[in-house]
């Protein structure tokens, strides 16, 4: 798989089609837990939640009603704000119904609250377009298989004030104040918060879907006065999908993971089209190989 990134639009990332699922060489769509066969409108294996729906064939797709329903097979995004927990789904927050235990009670939050600021960031990720790459990636977080909770990093002990994801991917910690500048195609820039959040959601997703031995293996080392810092290969995955989002939203692309060394180069210029001010980048060969090894290491269910 070769990933080409245009600096002015998404382009080149079109393996994700029906319902935002990846079309395999077999002609089937990868829904995570199962593979969908579009020619006959069926899955090849039974629904892992089939016991909940005894009146419906376990091989059907969304109860034979694809106009009304979809089967995202991803994971939910929960937001923890004090004593309140909200579930994000399709641009809105929901709370749990005390009687049915379903997350179907639409909630409103103050825009300046922690939950309100996270909702604003998630909306920025989608760009207000349900078909955008940002929306499709968030749609991977859409059922009960795995859960991710977004929390204020002030609750994260020694890592307070930092953005990050736990090694099991179950929690993303966020901090709105950021002092880190990045090397981009437009020079040194601070990253918009919604892009930083998207990067950390990439860690959350990859930690739960791909081989952790590959993700945690060393990519490179940054020499520092207070001790060398080892950078894992997981940063290649999260930084790459971050660049896809940046390209879609016409934001400067991230050239390196760290401005402190050239050993973390992510992309290289391929060509320039002066008349339309279009610059095309691609992953450099070493980074491309790491990215490919990660996405090909999907965990078995």
C-alpha atoms as a PDB file:
ATOM      1  CA  UNK A   1       0.000   0.000   0.000  1.00  0.00           C
ATOM      2  CA  UNK A   2       1.419   3.385  -1.022  1.00  0.00           C
ATOM      3  CA  UNK A   3      -0.070   6.453   0.624  1.00  0.00           C
ATOM      4  CA  UNK A   4      -0.038   9.696  -1.385  1.00  0.00           C
ATOM      5  CA  UNK A   5      -1.012  12.913   0.396  1.00  0.00           C
ATOM      6  CA  UNK A   6      -1.946  16.109  -1.415  1.00  0.00           C
ATOM      7  CA  UNK A   7      -1.376  19.323   0.469  1.00  0.00           C
ATOM      8  CA  UNK A   8      -4.663  20.832  -0.693  1.00  0.00           C
ATOM      9  CA  UNK A   9      -7.128  17.947  -0.578  1.00  0.00           C
ATOM     10  CA  UNK A  10      -7.579  14.364   0.589  1.00  0.00           C
ATOM     11  CA  UNK A  11      -6.956  12.460  -2.640  1.00  0.00           C
ATOM     12  CA  UNK A  12      -5.501   8.966  -3.031  1.00  0.00           C
ATOM     13  CA  UNK A  13      -7.102   7.475   0.080  1.00  0.00           C
ATOM     14  CA  UNK A  14     -10.055   5.676  -1.474  1.00  0.00           C
ATOM     15  CA  UNK A  15     -10.002   2.102  -0.192  1.00  0.00           C
ATOM     16  CA  UNK A  16     -12.727   3.044   2.291  1.00  0.00           C
ATOM     17  CA  UNK A  17     -16.029   2.999   0.439  1.00  0.00           C
ATOM     18  CA  UNK A  18     -19.400   1.544   1.539  1.00  0.00           C
ATOM     19  CA  UNK A  19     -20.156   2.655   5.134  1.00  0.00           C
ATOM     20  CA  UNK A  20     -16.552   3.859   5.311  1.00  0.00           C
ATOM     21  CA  UNK A  21     -15.288   0.265   5.398  1.00  0.00           C
ATOM     22  CA  UNK A  22     -12.108  -0.918   3.697  1.00  0.00           C
ATOM     23  CA  UNK A  23     -12.654  -2.856   0.475  1.00  0.00           C
ATOM     24  CA  UNK A  24     -10.390  -5.913   0.446  1.00  0.00           C
ATOM     25  CA  UNK A  25      -8.809  -7.588  -2.588  1.00  0.00           C
ATOM     26  CA  UNK A  26     -11.343 -10.387  -2.106  1.00  0.00           C
ATOM     27  CA  UNK A  27     -14.183  -7.977  -2.921  1.00  0.00           C
ATOM     28  CA  UNK A  28     -15.437  -8.100   0.676  1.00  0.00           C
ATOM     29  CA  UNK A  29     -15.619  -5.190   3.140  1.00  0.00           C
ATOM     30  CA  UNK A  30     -13.721  -5.424   6.426  1.00  0.00           C
ATOM     31  CA  UNK A  31     -16.161  -4.694   9.281  1.00  0.00           C
ATOM     32  CA  UNK A  32     -13.682  -5.696  11.980  1.00  0.00           C
ATOM     33  CA  UNK A  33     -15.514  -8.605  13.554  1.00  0.00           C
ATOM     34  CA  UNK A  34     -16.811  -9.907  10.199  1.00  0.00           C
ATOM     35  CA  UNK A  35     -16.373  -9.544   6.446  1.00  0.00           C
ATOM     36  CA  UNK A  36     -19.346  -8.318   4.403  1.00  0.00           C
ATOM     37  CA  UNK A  37     -20.074  -9.773   0.945  1.00  0.00           C
ATOM     38  CA  UNK A  38     -21.811  -6.953  -1.009  1.00  0.00           C
ATOM     39  CA  UNK A  39     -22.791  -9.141  -3.959  1.00  0.00           C
ATOM     40  CA  UNK A  40     -25.204 -11.165  -1.818  1.00  0.00           C
ATOM     41  CA  UNK A  41     -25.751  -8.695   1.031  1.00  0.00           C
ATOM     42  CA  UNK A  42     -24.580 -11.128   3.708  1.00  0.00           C
ATOM     43  CA  UNK A  43     -21.728 -11.680   6.151  1.00  0.00           C
ATOM     44  CA  UNK A  44     -19.661 -14.846   5.899  1.00  0.00           C
ATOM     45  CA  UNK A  45     -19.861 -15.566   9.636  1.00  0.00           C
ATOM     46  CA  UNK A  46     -22.540 -15.166  12.276  1.00  0.00           C
ATOM     47  CA  UNK A  47     -23.185 -11.952  14.186  1.00  0.00           C
ATOM     48  CA  UNK A  48     -21.293 -12.069  17.536  1.00  0.00           C
ATOM     49  CA  UNK A  49     -24.408 -10.478  19.078  1.00  0.00           C
ATOM     50  CA  UNK A  50     -26.806 -12.938  17.403  1.00  0.00           C
ATOM     51  CA  UNK A  51     -28.236 -14.104  20.739  1.00  0.00           C
ATOM     52  CA  UNK A  52     -29.750 -10.651  21.224  1.00  0.00           C
ATOM     53  CA  UNK A  53     -31.776 -10.980  18.001  1.00  0.00           C
ATOM     54  CA  UNK A  54     -33.179 -14.547  17.862  1.00  0.00           C
ATOM     55  CA  UNK A  55     -35.756 -13.666  15.182  1.00  0.00           C
ATOM     56  CA  UNK A  56     -33.160 -12.459  12.662  1.00  0.00           C
ATOM     57  CA  UNK A  57     -30.722 -14.595  10.679  1.00  0.00           C
ATOM     58  CA  UNK A  58     -27.219 -14.159  12.136  1.00  0.00           C
ATOM     59  CA  UNK A  59     -25.833 -13.806   8.599  1.00  0.00           C
ATOM     60  CA  UNK A  60     -27.981 -10.845   7.488  1.00  0.00           C
ATOM     61  CA  UNK A  61     -26.770  -7.272   7.222  1.00  0.00           C
ATOM     62  CA  UNK A  62     -28.630  -4.787   9.495  1.00  0.00           C
ATOM     63  CA  UNK A  63     -31.840  -6.846   9.633  1.00  0.00           C
ATOM     64  CA  UNK A  64     -32.151  -6.653   5.818  1.00  0.00           C
ATOM     65  CA  UNK A  65     -32.844  -2.909   6.034  1.00  0.00           C
ATOM     66  CA  UNK A  66     -29.678  -1.051   4.905  1.00  0.00           C
ATOM     67  CA  UNK A  67     -31.657   2.116   4.135  1.00  0.00           C
ATOM     68  CA  UNK A  68     -32.579   2.561   7.786  1.00  0.00           C
ATOM     69  CA  UNK A  69     -29.629   0.964   9.588  1.00  0.00           C
ATOM     70  CA  UNK A  70     -25.849   0.636   9.385  1.00  0.00           C
ATOM     71  CA  UNK A  71     -23.455  -1.753  11.118  1.00  0.00           C
ATOM     72  CA  UNK A  72     -20.320   0.279  11.954  1.00  0.00           C
ATOM     73  CA  UNK A  73     -18.583  -2.384  14.085  1.00  0.00           C
ATOM     74  CA  UNK A  74     -16.153  -0.098  15.752  1.00  0.00           C
ATOM     75  CA  UNK A  75     -16.078   1.337  19.249  1.00  0.00           C
ATOM     76  CA  UNK A  76     -17.874   4.027  21.228  1.00  0.00           C
ATOM     77  CA  UNK A  77     -16.321   7.328  22.244  1.00  0.00           C
ATOM     78  CA  UNK A  78     -17.268   8.343  25.784  1.00  0.00           C
ATOM     79  CA  UNK A  79     -16.421  11.709  27.333  1.00  0.00           C
ATOM     80  CA  UNK A  80     -15.884  11.975  31.085  1.00  0.00           C
ATOM     81  CA  UNK A  81     -16.616  15.429  32.558  1.00  0.00           C
ATOM     82  CA  UNK A  82     -16.580  15.407  36.358  1.00  0.00           C
ATOM     83  CA  UNK A  83     -19.291  13.018  37.524  1.00  0.00           C
ATOM     84  CA  UNK A  84     -20.985  13.019  34.113  1.00  0.00           C
ATOM     85  CA  UNK A  85     -20.311  10.650  31.222  1.00  0.00           C
ATOM     86  CA  UNK A  86     -21.514  11.410  27.692  1.00  0.00           C
ATOM     87  CA  UNK A  87     -21.474   9.139  24.666  1.00  0.00           C
ATOM     88  CA  UNK A  88     -20.628  10.709  21.307  1.00  0.00           C
ATOM     89  CA  UNK A  89     -22.549   9.461  18.289  1.00  0.00           C
ATOM     90  CA  UNK A  90     -22.942  11.165  14.923  1.00  0.00           C
ATOM     91  CA  UNK A  91     -22.232  14.676  16.145  1.00  0.00           C
ATOM     92  CA  UNK A  92     -24.297  14.559  19.338  1.00  0.00           C
ATOM     93  CA  UNK A  93     -23.953  13.634  23.006  1.00  0.00           C
ATOM     94  CA  UNK A  94     -26.157  11.081  24.739  1.00  0.00           C
ATOM     95  CA  UNK A  95     -26.518   9.934  28.339  1.00  0.00           C
ATOM     96  CA  UNK A  96     -27.601   6.540  29.583  1.00  0.00           C
ATOM     97  CA  UNK A  97     -31.289   5.881  30.140  1.00  0.00           C
ATOM     98  CA  UNK A  98     -31.630   4.844  33.796  1.00  0.00           C
ATOM     99  CA  UNK A  99     -34.414   2.352  33.006  1.00  0.00           C
ATOM    100  CA  UNK A 100     -33.348   0.768  29.715  1.00  0.00           C
ATOM    101  CA  UNK A 101     -29.565   1.281  30.161  1.00  0.00           C
ATOM    102  CA  UNK A 102     -29.425   2.398  26.531  1.00  0.00           C
ATOM    103  CA  UNK A 103     -27.464   5.505  25.564  1.00  0.00           C
ATOM    104  CA  UNK A 104     -30.388   7.210  23.882  1.00  0.00           C
ATOM    105  CA  UNK A 105     -31.069  10.338  25.978  1.00  0.00           C
ATOM    106  CA  UNK A 106     -29.815  13.317  23.970  1.00  0.00           C
ATOM    107  CA  UNK A 107     -27.791  15.667  26.164  1.00  0.00           C
ATOM    108  CA  UNK A 108     -26.877  19.332  25.927  1.00  0.00           C
ATOM    109  CA  UNK A 109     -23.709  20.738  27.482  1.00  0.00           C
ATOM    110  CA  UNK A 110     -22.322  24.226  27.996  1.00  0.00           C
ATOM    111  CA  UNK A 111     -19.903  25.201  25.246  1.00  0.00           C
ATOM    112  CA  UNK A 112     -17.233  26.284  27.748  1.00  0.00           C
ATOM    113  CA  UNK A 113     -17.405  23.055  29.769  1.00  0.00           C
ATOM    114  CA  UNK A 114     -14.860  20.276  29.229  1.00  0.00           C
ATOM    115  CA  UNK A 115     -17.449  18.146  27.439  1.00  0.00           C
ATOM    116  CA  UNK A 116     -18.524  21.131  25.348  1.00  0.00           C
ATOM    117  CA  UNK A 117     -14.981  21.840  24.191  1.00  0.00           C
ATOM    118  CA  UNK A 118     -14.445  18.180  23.293  1.00  0.00           C
ATOM    119  CA  UNK A 119     -17.698  18.161  21.305  1.00  0.00           C
ATOM    120  CA  UNK A 120     -16.496  21.228  19.420  1.00  0.00           C
ATOM    121  CA  UNK A 121     -13.218  19.451  18.630  1.00  0.00           C
ATOM    122  CA  UNK A 122     -15.005  16.304  17.431  1.00  0.00           C
ATOM    123  CA  UNK A 123     -17.209  18.470  15.207  1.00  0.00           C
ATOM    124  CA  UNK A 124     -14.089  20.125  13.791  1.00  0.00           C
ATOM    125  CA  UNK A 125     -12.674  16.681  13.019  1.00  0.00           C
ATOM    126  CA  UNK A 126     -15.722  15.892  10.882  1.00  0.00           C
ATOM    127  CA  UNK A 127     -15.605  19.266   9.143  1.00  0.00           C
ATOM    128  CA  UNK A 128     -19.404  19.227   9.224  1.00  0.00           C
ATOM    129  CA  UNK A 129     -19.408  16.564   6.488  1.00  0.00           C
ATOM    130  CA  UNK A 130     -20.648  13.068   7.298  1.00  0.00           C
ATOM    131  CA  UNK A 131     -18.689  11.692   4.322  1.00  0.00           C
ATOM    132  CA  UNK A 132     -15.352  13.273   5.257  1.00  0.00           C
ATOM    133  CA  UNK A 133     -12.332  11.208   6.245  1.00  0.00           C
ATOM    134  CA  UNK A 134     -12.622  12.657   9.750  1.00  0.00           C
ATOM    135  CA  UNK A 135     -16.244  11.512  10.022  1.00  0.00           C
ATOM    136  CA  UNK A 136     -15.463   8.076   8.629  1.00  0.00           C
ATOM    137  CA  UNK A 137     -12.654   7.605  11.121  1.00  0.00           C
ATOM    138  CA  UNK A 138     -14.867   8.621  14.043  1.00  0.00           C
ATOM    139  CA  UNK A 139     -17.450   6.144  12.733  1.00  0.00           C
ATOM    140  CA  UNK A 140     -14.970   3.405  13.609  1.00  0.00           C
ATOM    141  CA  UNK A 141     -15.882   4.263  17.211  1.00  0.00           C
ATOM    142  CA  UNK A 142     -19.532   3.237  17.027  1.00  0.00           C
ATOM    143  CA  UNK A 143     -20.570   0.106  18.939  1.00  0.00           C
ATOM    144  CA  UNK A 144     -19.954  -1.984  22.031  1.00  0.00           C
ATOM    145  CA  UNK A 145     -16.890  -4.000  20.944  1.00  0.00           C
ATOM    146  CA  UNK A 146     -14.342  -1.676  22.537  1.00  0.00           C
ATOM    147  CA  UNK A 147     -14.723   1.555  24.476  1.00  0.00           C
ATOM    148  CA  UNK A 148     -12.617   4.699  24.544  1.00  0.00           C
ATOM    149  CA  UNK A 149     -13.134   7.404  27.139  1.00  0.00           C
ATOM    150  CA  UNK A 150     -11.824  10.959  26.699  1.00  0.00           C
ATOM    151  CA  UNK A 151     -10.737  12.558  29.973  1.00  0.00           C
ATOM    152  CA  UNK A 152      -9.098  15.753  31.200  1.00  0.00           C
ATOM    153  CA  UNK A 153      -5.386  15.016  31.626  1.00  0.00           C
ATOM    154  CA  UNK A 154      -5.340  16.923  34.929  1.00  0.00           C
ATOM    155  CA  UNK A 155      -6.671  13.610  36.287  1.00  0.00           C
ATOM    156  CA  UNK A 156      -3.633  11.738  34.934  1.00  0.00           C
ATOM    157  CA  UNK A 157      -1.193  12.105  37.829  1.00  0.00           C
ATOM    158  CA  UNK A 158       2.388  12.694  36.715  1.00  0.00           C
ATOM    159  CA  UNK A 159       1.228  13.138  33.101  1.00  0.00           C
ATOM    160  CA  UNK A 160      -1.149  15.983  33.972  1.00  0.00           C
ATOM    161  CA  UNK A 161      -1.273  18.660  31.307  1.00  0.00           C
ATOM    162  CA  UNK A 162      -0.247  16.277  28.524  1.00  0.00           C
ATOM    163  CA  UNK A 163      -2.141  14.687  25.647  1.00  0.00           C
ATOM    164  CA  UNK A 164      -1.899  10.919  25.317  1.00  0.00           C
ATOM    165  CA  UNK A 165      -3.581   7.537  25.132  1.00  0.00           C
ATOM    166  CA  UNK A 166      -3.230   4.552  27.448  1.00  0.00           C
ATOM    167  CA  UNK A 167      -1.387   1.501  26.117  1.00  0.00           C
ATOM    168  CA  UNK A 168      -4.608  -0.507  25.982  1.00  0.00           C
ATOM    169  CA  UNK A 169      -6.354   2.332  24.128  1.00  0.00           C
ATOM    170  CA  UNK A 170      -9.208   2.516  26.623  1.00  0.00           C
ATOM    171  CA  UNK A 171      -8.576   6.149  27.582  1.00  0.00           C
ATOM    172  CA  UNK A 172      -7.475   9.330  25.813  1.00  0.00           C
ATOM    173  CA  UNK A 173      -6.205  12.162  28.020  1.00  0.00           C
ATOM    174  CA  UNK A 174      -6.398  15.730  26.730  1.00  0.00           C
ATOM    175  CA  UNK A 175      -5.012  19.144  27.622  1.00  0.00           C
ATOM    176  CA  UNK A 176      -6.271  22.262  25.862  1.00  0.00           C
ATOM    177  CA  UNK A 177      -3.147  24.340  26.541  1.00  0.00           C
ATOM    178  CA  UNK A 178      -0.336  23.277  24.213  1.00  0.00           C
ATOM    179  CA  UNK A 179       3.172  24.689  23.994  1.00  0.00           C
ATOM    180  CA  UNK A 180       4.605  22.257  21.438  1.00  0.00           C
ATOM    181  CA  UNK A 181       5.366  23.488  17.920  1.00  0.00           C
ATOM    182  CA  UNK A 182       5.618  21.144  14.945  1.00  0.00           C
ATOM    183  CA  UNK A 183       7.605  21.176  11.707  1.00  0.00           C
ATOM    184  CA  UNK A 184       5.030  21.595   8.955  1.00  0.00           C
ATOM    185  CA  UNK A 185       4.924  22.416   5.258  1.00  0.00           C
ATOM    186  CA  UNK A 186       4.278  26.025   6.342  1.00  0.00           C
ATOM    187  CA  UNK A 187       7.081  26.218   8.900  1.00  0.00           C
ATOM    188  CA  UNK A 188       6.881  25.837  12.682  1.00  0.00           C
ATOM    189  CA  UNK A 189       3.247  25.795  13.773  1.00  0.00           C
ATOM    190  CA  UNK A 190       1.207  24.864  16.813  1.00  0.00           C
ATOM    191  CA  UNK A 191      -1.250  22.083  16.134  1.00  0.00           C
ATOM    192  CA  UNK A 192      -4.986  22.898  16.353  1.00  0.00           C
ATOM    193  CA  UNK A 193      -6.489  21.074  19.322  1.00  0.00           C
ATOM    194  CA  UNK A 194      -8.894  19.003  17.211  1.00  0.00           C
ATOM    195  CA  UNK A 195      -5.930  17.685  15.198  1.00  0.00           C
ATOM    196  CA  UNK A 196      -4.104  16.744  18.403  1.00  0.00           C
ATOM    197  CA  UNK A 197      -7.232  14.970  19.656  1.00  0.00           C
ATOM    198  CA  UNK A 198      -7.507  13.099  16.350  1.00  0.00           C
ATOM    199  CA  UNK A 199      -3.860  12.023  16.668  1.00  0.00           C
ATOM    200  CA  UNK A 200      -4.534  10.583  20.136  1.00  0.00           C
ATOM    201  CA  UNK A 201      -7.710   8.848  18.945  1.00  0.00           C
ATOM    202  CA  UNK A 202      -5.481   7.252  16.319  1.00  0.00           C
ATOM    203  CA  UNK A 203      -3.355   5.839  19.142  1.00  0.00           C
ATOM    204  CA  UNK A 204      -6.472   4.622  20.944  1.00  0.00           C
ATOM    205  CA  UNK A 205      -7.757   2.852  17.840  1.00  0.00           C
ATOM    206  CA  UNK A 206      -4.420   1.355  16.786  1.00  0.00           C
ATOM    207  CA  UNK A 207      -3.624   0.115  20.301  1.00  0.00           C
ATOM    208  CA  UNK A 208      -6.834  -1.903  20.234  1.00  0.00           C
ATOM    209  CA  UNK A 209      -6.758  -3.110  16.626  1.00  0.00           C
ATOM    210  CA  UNK A 210      -3.130  -3.712  15.635  1.00  0.00           C
ATOM    211  CA  UNK A 211      -0.251  -5.804  16.987  1.00  0.00           C
ATOM    212  CA  UNK A 212       1.125  -4.075  20.074  1.00  0.00           C
ATOM    213  CA  UNK A 213       4.551  -5.671  19.597  1.00  0.00           C
ATOM    214  CA  UNK A 214       4.915  -3.766  16.324  1.00  0.00           C
ATOM    215  CA  UNK A 215       3.352  -0.566  17.656  1.00  0.00           C
ATOM    216  CA  UNK A 216       5.636  -0.433  20.689  1.00  0.00           C
ATOM    217  CA  UNK A 217       8.843  -1.424  18.916  1.00  0.00           C
ATOM    218  CA  UNK A 218      11.401   1.355  18.518  1.00  0.00           C
ATOM    219  CA  UNK A 219      11.210   3.653  15.502  1.00  0.00           C
ATOM    220  CA  UNK A 220      14.061   5.970  16.480  1.00  0.00           C
ATOM    221  CA  UNK A 221      15.738   7.637  19.461  1.00  0.00           C
ATOM    222  CA  UNK A 222      15.848  11.347  20.244  1.00  0.00           C
ATOM    223  CA  UNK A 223      18.963  12.414  22.142  1.00  0.00           C
ATOM    224  CA  UNK A 224      18.144  14.622  25.128  1.00  0.00           C
ATOM    225  CA  UNK A 225      20.166  16.049  28.019  1.00  0.00           C
ATOM    226  CA  UNK A 226      17.888  14.438  30.600  1.00  0.00           C
ATOM    227  CA  UNK A 227      17.980  11.016  28.934  1.00  0.00           C
ATOM    228  CA  UNK A 228      17.418   9.586  25.478  1.00  0.00           C
ATOM    229  CA  UNK A 229      13.792   9.356  24.381  1.00  0.00           C
ATOM    230  CA  UNK A 230      12.758   6.266  22.432  1.00  0.00           C
ATOM    231  CA  UNK A 231       9.997   6.887  19.865  1.00  0.00           C
ATOM    232  CA  UNK A 232       7.730   3.888  19.111  1.00  0.00           C
ATOM    233  CA  UNK A 233       6.475   2.979  15.644  1.00  0.00           C
ATOM    234  CA  UNK A 234       2.926   3.733  16.780  1.00  0.00           C
ATOM    235  CA  UNK A 235       3.734   7.398  16.149  1.00  0.00           C
ATOM    236  CA  UNK A 236       4.090   6.630  12.432  1.00  0.00           C
ATOM    237  CA  UNK A 237       0.494   5.394  12.272  1.00  0.00           C
ATOM    238  CA  UNK A 238      -1.036   8.252  14.280  1.00  0.00           C
ATOM    239  CA  UNK A 239       1.021  10.936  12.538  1.00  0.00           C
ATOM    240  CA  UNK A 240       0.098   9.531   9.121  1.00  0.00           C
ATOM    241  CA  UNK A 241      -3.653   9.554   9.682  1.00  0.00           C
ATOM    242  CA  UNK A 242      -3.186  13.006  11.229  1.00  0.00           C
ATOM    243  CA  UNK A 243      -1.683  14.131   7.918  1.00  0.00           C
ATOM    244  CA  UNK A 244      -4.623  12.685   5.992  1.00  0.00           C
ATOM    245  CA  UNK A 245      -6.953  14.800   8.146  1.00  0.00           C
ATOM    246  CA  UNK A 246      -4.709  17.839   7.688  1.00  0.00           C
ATOM    247  CA  UNK A 247      -4.745  17.370   3.912  1.00  0.00           C
ATOM    248  CA  UNK A 248      -8.529  17.082   3.863  1.00  0.00           C
ATOM    249  CA  UNK A 249      -8.892  20.301   5.855  1.00  0.00           C
ATOM    250  CA  UNK A 250      -6.219  22.227   3.921  1.00  0.00           C
ATOM    251  CA  UNK A 251      -3.975  22.472   6.983  1.00  0.00           C
ATOM    252  CA  UNK A 252      -0.155  22.404   6.794  1.00  0.00           C
ATOM    253  CA  UNK A 253       1.129  18.839   6.733  1.00  0.00           C
ATOM    254  CA  UNK A 254       3.368  17.507   9.474  1.00  0.00           C
ATOM    255  CA  UNK A 255       6.875  16.939   8.079  1.00  0.00           C
ATOM    256  CA  UNK A 256       8.448  15.266  11.120  1.00  0.00           C
ATOM    257  CA  UNK A 257       7.130  13.674  14.260  1.00  0.00           C
ATOM    258  CA  UNK A 258       9.617  15.676  16.334  1.00  0.00           C
ATOM    259  CA  UNK A 259      11.255  19.028  15.504  1.00  0.00           C
ATOM    260  CA  UNK A 260      14.255  17.959  17.599  1.00  0.00           C
ATOM    261  CA  UNK A 261      15.625  15.506  15.032  1.00  0.00           C
ATOM    262  CA  UNK A 262      15.507  14.683  11.327  1.00  0.00           C
ATOM    263  CA  UNK A 263      15.273  10.971  12.142  1.00  0.00           C
ATOM    264  CA  UNK A 264      11.481  11.215  12.405  1.00  0.00           C
ATOM    265  CA  UNK A 265      10.738  12.428   8.886  1.00  0.00           C
ATOM    266  CA  UNK A 266       7.213  11.466   7.849  1.00  0.00           C
ATOM    267  CA  UNK A 267       6.736  12.744   4.304  1.00  0.00           C
ATOM    268  CA  UNK A 268       8.691  13.961   1.305  1.00  0.00           C
ATOM    269  CA  UNK A 269       7.725  16.203  -1.594  1.00  0.00           C
ATOM    270  CA  UNK A 270       6.864  14.400  -4.826  1.00  0.00           C
ATOM    271  CA  UNK A 271       5.899  17.205  -7.201  1.00  0.00           C
ATOM    272  CA  UNK A 272       4.514  20.727  -7.478  1.00  0.00           C
ATOM    273  CA  UNK A 273       1.778  22.019  -9.799  1.00  0.00           C
ATOM    274  CA  UNK A 274       2.379  25.813  -9.872  1.00  0.00           C
ATOM    275  CA  UNK A 275      -0.804  26.872 -11.689  1.00  0.00           C
ATOM    276  CA  UNK A 276      -3.066  25.498  -8.963  1.00  0.00           C
ATOM    277  CA  UNK A 277      -0.561  25.815  -6.115  1.00  0.00           C
ATOM    278  CA  UNK A 278      -0.822  22.086  -5.491  1.00  0.00           C
ATOM    279  CA  UNK A 279       2.063  20.294  -3.764  1.00  0.00           C
ATOM    280  CA  UNK A 280       1.969  16.523  -3.531  1.00  0.00           C
ATOM    281  CA  UNK A 281       3.722  14.600  -0.768  1.00  0.00           C
ATOM    282  CA  UNK A 282       4.118  10.932   0.044  1.00  0.00           C
ATOM    283  CA  UNK A 283       5.461   8.930   2.952  1.00  0.00           C
ATOM    284  CA  UNK A 284       9.192   8.400   2.688  1.00  0.00           C
ATOM    285  CA  UNK A 285      10.122   4.746   1.992  1.00  0.00           C
ATOM    286  CA  UNK A 286      11.129   3.844   5.555  1.00  0.00           C
ATOM    287  CA  UNK A 287       7.996   5.392   7.043  1.00  0.00           C
ATOM    288  CA  UNK A 288       5.841   3.773   4.361  1.00  0.00           C
ATOM    289  CA  UNK A 289       7.192   0.333   5.281  1.00  0.00           C
ATOM    290  CA  UNK A 290       6.454   0.901   8.970  1.00  0.00           C
ATOM    291  CA  UNK A 291       2.928   2.137   8.221  1.00  0.00           C
ATOM    292  CA  UNK A 292       2.259  -0.895   6.007  1.00  0.00           C
ATOM    293  CA  UNK A 293       3.539  -3.328   8.635  1.00  0.00           C
ATOM    294  CA  UNK A 294       1.192  -1.794  11.200  1.00  0.00           C
ATOM    295  CA  UNK A 295      -2.004  -1.856   9.140  1.00  0.00           C
ATOM    296  CA  UNK A 296      -1.254  -5.423   8.044  1.00  0.00           C
ATOM    297  CA  UNK A 297      -0.928  -6.603  11.661  1.00  0.00           C
ATOM    298  CA  UNK A 298      -4.603  -6.506  12.606  1.00  0.00           C
ATOM    299  CA  UNK A 299      -5.316  -8.558  15.713  1.00  0.00           C
ATOM    300  CA  UNK A 300      -7.430 -11.689  15.338  1.00  0.00           C
ATOM    301  CA  UNK A 301     -10.856 -11.482  16.937  1.00  0.00           C
END
